[in-house]
């Protein structure tokens, strides 16, 4: 039981899984991710690493975002206000926008209304 308690204690401080998650499979996935990050940190320390655990986790997250993060020029990352909804007095933001005229538009009704 000593190893299990020690692992639970170490996971507690920088845990990604929270008790408020509604979907059980997300909590299980995040717990496995916590254990994977902790095991990689333990191996890093055994091989002579000198970073603290917090700096190790931050560097790991930055490297993963750098490698697998979304392209900064991607249209889906930015939100713009829908022009048609704004004329109707509604405040609605959309991730979709017309590439040629650079205006934000809702996908279903507004895109067709604006370009017809």
Protein backbone atom coordinates (compact mmCIF):
# COMPACT_ATOMS: atom_id res chain seq x y z
CA UNK A 1 0.00 0.00 0.00
CA UNK A 2 2.94 2.36 0.46
CA UNK A 3 3.55 2.74 -3.29
CA UNK A 4 -0.11 3.37 -4.05
CA UNK A 5 -0.41 6.02 -1.34
CA UNK A 6 2.77 7.73 -2.49
CA UNK A 7 1.54 7.80 -6.10
CA UNK A 8 -1.85 9.17 -5.07
CA UNK A 9 -0.11 11.82 -3.00
CA UNK A 10 2.11 12.85 -5.92
CA UNK A 11 -0.83 12.90 -8.35
CA UNK A 12 -2.86 15.12 -6.07
CA UNK A 13 -0.83 18.31 -6.55
CA UNK A 14 -0.88 18.55 -10.37
CA UNK A 15 -3.92 16.46 -11.26
CA UNK A 16 -5.69 17.11 -14.56
CA UNK A 17 -8.71 15.00 -13.61
CA UNK A 18 -11.23 16.75 -11.42
CA UNK A 19 -14.19 15.48 -9.46
CA UNK A 20 -16.61 17.78 -11.31
CA UNK A 21 -16.38 15.89 -14.60
CA UNK A 22 -19.72 14.44 -15.66
CA UNK A 23 -18.45 11.85 -18.12
CA UNK A 24 -16.68 8.97 -16.43
CA UNK A 25 -14.55 8.12 -19.46
CA UNK A 26 -13.01 11.61 -19.47
CA UNK A 27 -12.05 11.24 -15.84
CA UNK A 28 -10.49 7.83 -16.53
CA UNK A 29 -8.58 9.17 -19.54
CA UNK A 30 -7.27 12.17 -17.60
CA UNK A 31 -6.25 9.92 -14.69
CA UNK A 32 -4.25 7.72 -17.08
CA UNK A 33 -2.70 10.86 -18.53
CA UNK A 34 -1.77 12.02 -15.00
CA UNK A 35 -0.10 8.68 -14.30
CA UNK A 36 1.76 8.81 -17.62
CA UNK A 37 3.11 12.30 -16.93
CA UNK A 38 4.11 11.31 -13.39
CA UNK A 39 5.92 8.18 -14.64
CA UNK A 40 7.76 10.20 -17.28
CA UNK A 41 8.81 12.71 -14.61
CA UNK A 42 10.11 9.91 -12.37
CA UNK A 43 12.15 8.50 -15.27
CA UNK A 44 13.42 12.00 -16.06
CA UNK A 45 14.64 12.42 -12.47
CA UNK A 46 16.31 8.97 -12.46
CA UNK A 47 18.21 9.89 -15.61
CA UNK A 48 19.62 13.01 -13.94
CA UNK A 49 17.06 15.69 -14.75
CA UNK A 50 17.19 18.82 -12.62
CA UNK A 51 13.82 20.49 -13.29
CA UNK A 52 11.09 20.67 -10.69
CA UNK A 53 7.90 18.77 -11.41
CA UNK A 54 5.97 21.95 -12.18
CA UNK A 55 8.55 23.14 -14.70
CA UNK A 56 8.67 19.66 -16.22
CA UNK A 57 4.88 19.60 -16.71
CA UNK A 58 4.87 23.13 -18.15
CA UNK A 59 7.69 22.30 -20.59
CA UNK A 60 5.93 19.09 -21.60
CA UNK A 61 2.69 20.96 -22.26
CA UNK A 62 4.48 23.63 -24.29
CA UNK A 63 6.26 21.01 -26.41
CA UNK A 64 3.01 19.13 -27.06
CA UNK A 65 1.21 22.33 -28.04
CA UNK A 66 4.11 23.32 -30.26
CA UNK A 67 4.09 19.97 -32.05
CA UNK A 68 0.38 19.12 -32.17
CA UNK A 69 -1.27 22.51 -31.64
CA UNK A 70 -3.56 24.09 -34.18
CA UNK A 71 -2.12 26.30 -36.89
CA UNK A 72 -2.38 29.98 -35.92
CA UNK A 73 -3.65 30.95 -39.37
CA UNK A 74 -6.55 28.50 -39.20
CA UNK A 75 -10.01 30.07 -39.66
CA UNK A 76 -11.68 27.86 -37.05
CA UNK A 77 -9.63 29.28 -34.18
CA UNK A 78 -10.88 32.87 -34.39
CA UNK A 79 -14.41 34.05 -33.71
CA UNK A 80 -16.11 36.94 -35.42
CA UNK A 81 -19.49 38.54 -34.92
CA UNK A 82 -22.10 37.50 -37.48
CA UNK A 83 -22.93 40.45 -39.74
CA UNK A 84 -26.51 39.33 -40.46
CA UNK A 85 -27.32 38.70 -36.78
CA UNK A 86 -25.79 42.06 -35.82
CA UNK A 87 -28.15 43.84 -38.25
CA UNK A 88 -31.07 42.07 -36.52
CA UNK A 89 -29.88 43.32 -33.13
CA UNK A 90 -28.51 39.96 -31.92
CA UNK A 91 -25.01 39.44 -30.60
CA UNK A 92 -23.88 36.13 -32.02
CA UNK A 93 -20.30 35.03 -32.60
CA UNK A 94 -19.35 32.38 -35.10
CA UNK A 95 -16.23 30.41 -35.93
CA UNK A 96 -17.24 30.47 -39.60
CA UNK A 97 -16.45 33.38 -41.86
CA UNK A 98 -16.22 34.05 -45.55
CA UNK A 99 -12.67 33.81 -46.84
CA UNK A 100 -13.15 36.26 -49.71
CA UNK A 101 -14.98 39.12 -47.94
CA UNK A 102 -13.56 38.47 -44.41
CA UNK A 103 -16.93 38.80 -42.67
CA UNK A 104 -18.15 36.61 -39.83
CA UNK A 105 -21.30 34.65 -40.64
CA UNK A 106 -23.35 31.90 -39.02
CA UNK A 107 -23.19 28.67 -41.00
CA UNK A 108 -26.80 27.72 -41.63
CA UNK A 109 -29.14 30.66 -42.24
CA UNK A 110 -26.90 33.72 -42.38
CA UNK A 111 -24.27 32.62 -44.91
CA UNK A 112 -26.89 32.03 -47.59
CA UNK A 113 -28.76 35.25 -46.76
CA UNK A 114 -25.66 37.42 -46.89
CA UNK A 115 -24.35 36.08 -50.22
CA UNK A 116 -27.67 36.08 -52.12
